[in-house]
Amino acid sequence: MTRSTEERLRETLDALAAGIEAAPPAYKKARAEWRRRERRRRLVLAVLIAIVFALADLIGLWALNQTRDHDPIIFDDRSRIHQTDPATGVIPP
């Protein structure tokens, strides 16, 4: 009696599947490795952001402190100090 191709293929695949062992520890190990790399990547990124922020602050403070003492202050409107108040001569009704 001849067996069909489907039956032979099924038996072959069943025999092949029976020889394969599931390896859950390998998955757990790979997942742990992936999480470790992800944590390290995020930590490195956070450190780089902190360094860039600190350098920007230091450069800004250094630039602001490079002015000479006799330079005028930015946005200093000294002309308004000597103006008289227009409301001084007005009598309330």
Protein backbone atom coordinates (compact mmCIF):
# COMPACT_ATOMS: atom_id res chain seq x y z
CA MET A 1 0.00 0.00 0.00
CA THR A 2 1.37 3.39 -0.90
CA ARG A 3 1.31 6.27 1.49
CA SER A 4 0.39 9.69 0.32
CA THR A 5 2.90 12.47 0.14
CA GLU A 6 0.99 14.34 2.82
CA GLU A 7 1.33 11.45 5.29
CA ARG A 8 5.05 11.08 4.66
CA LEU A 9 5.59 14.80 5.01
CA ARG A 10 3.60 14.86 8.25
CA GLU A 11 5.65 11.98 9.71
CA THR A 12 8.90 13.64 8.69
CA LEU A 13 7.93 16.97 10.21
CA ASP A 14 6.69 15.27 13.40
CA ALA A 15 10.02 13.44 13.73
CA LEU A 16 11.89 16.68 13.15
CA ALA A 17 9.75 18.55 15.69
CA ALA A 18 10.25 15.81 18.27
CA GLY A 19 14.02 16.28 18.05
CA ILE A 20 13.85 20.00 18.78
CA GLU A 21 13.88 21.02 22.42
CA ALA A 22 12.39 24.28 23.57
CA ALA A 23 14.93 26.50 25.26
CA PRO A 24 13.18 29.02 27.54
CA PRO A 25 16.43 29.82 29.38
CA ALA A 26 17.91 31.02 26.09
CA TYR A 27 15.01 33.45 25.65
CA LYS A 28 15.35 34.72 29.19
CA LYS A 29 19.07 35.19 28.71
CA ALA A 30 18.60 37.05 25.43
CA ARG A 31 15.89 39.25 26.97
CA ALA A 32 18.06 40.06 29.97
CA GLU A 33 20.93 40.98 27.64
CA TRP A 34 18.63 43.20 25.59
CA ARG A 35 17.35 44.95 28.73
CA ARG A 36 20.89 45.48 29.98
CA ARG A 37 21.87 47.09 26.68
CA GLU A 38 18.74 49.25 26.72
CA ARG A 39 19.45 50.45 30.26
CA ARG A 40 23.05 51.20 29.35
CA ARG A 41 21.98 53.09 26.22
CA ARG A 42 19.54 55.21 28.23
CA LEU A 43 22.12 55.89 30.95
CA VAL A 44 24.73 56.96 28.39
CA LEU A 45 22.17 59.23 26.72
CA ALA A 46 21.20 60.82 30.06
CA VAL A 47 24.86 61.42 30.94
CA LEU A 48 25.52 63.00 27.53
CA ILE A 49 22.50 65.29 27.91
CA ALA A 50 23.68 66.35 31.38
CA ILE A 51 27.19 67.06 30.07
CA VAL A 52 25.91 69.13 27.14
CA PHE A 53 23.57 71.08 29.45
CA ALA A 54 26.37 71.75 31.96
CA LEU A 55 28.77 72.85 29.22
CA ALA A 56 26.16 75.21 27.76
CA ASP A 57 25.64 76.75 31.22
CA LEU A 58 29.36 77.12 31.81
CA ILE A 59 29.96 78.68 28.39
CA GLY A 60 27.06 81.09 28.93
CA LEU A 61 28.31 82.14 32.37
CA TRP A 62 31.84 82.52 31.05
CA ALA A 63 30.61 84.69 28.16
CA LEU A 64 28.55 86.88 30.49
CA ASN A 65 31.53 87.41 32.79
CA GLN A 66 33.84 88.53 29.97
CA THR A 67 32.50 92.11 29.94
CA ARG A 68 34.67 94.95 31.18
CA ASP A 69 33.65 97.00 34.19
CA HIS A 70 33.12 100.23 32.24
CA ASP A 71 30.90 98.66 29.56
CA PRO A 72 27.27 99.70 29.79
CA ILE A 73 24.76 97.24 31.12
CA ILE A 74 22.54 95.73 28.47
CA PHE A 75 19.02 97.23 28.43
CA ASP A 76 19.98 99.91 30.98
CA ASP A 77 17.72 102.88 30.36
CA ARG A 78 19.34 105.60 32.49
CA SER A 79 17.54 108.37 30.57
CA ARG A 80 14.30 107.55 32.39
CA ILE A 81 15.93 108.16 35.78
CA HIS A 82 16.34 111.91 35.17
CA GLN A 83 12.89 112.53 33.69
CA THR A 84 10.39 114.40 35.76
CA ASP A 85 7.12 112.80 36.56
CA PRO A 86 4.43 114.40 34.35
CA ALA A 87 1.79 113.83 37.01
CA THR A 88 3.46 116.06 39.61
CA GLY A 89 1.84 119.26 38.37
CA VAL A 90 -1.62 117.77 37.95
CA ILE A 91 -4.19 118.34 40.66
CA PRO A 92 -6.79 115.60 41.11
CA PRO A 93 -10.40 116.69 40.40
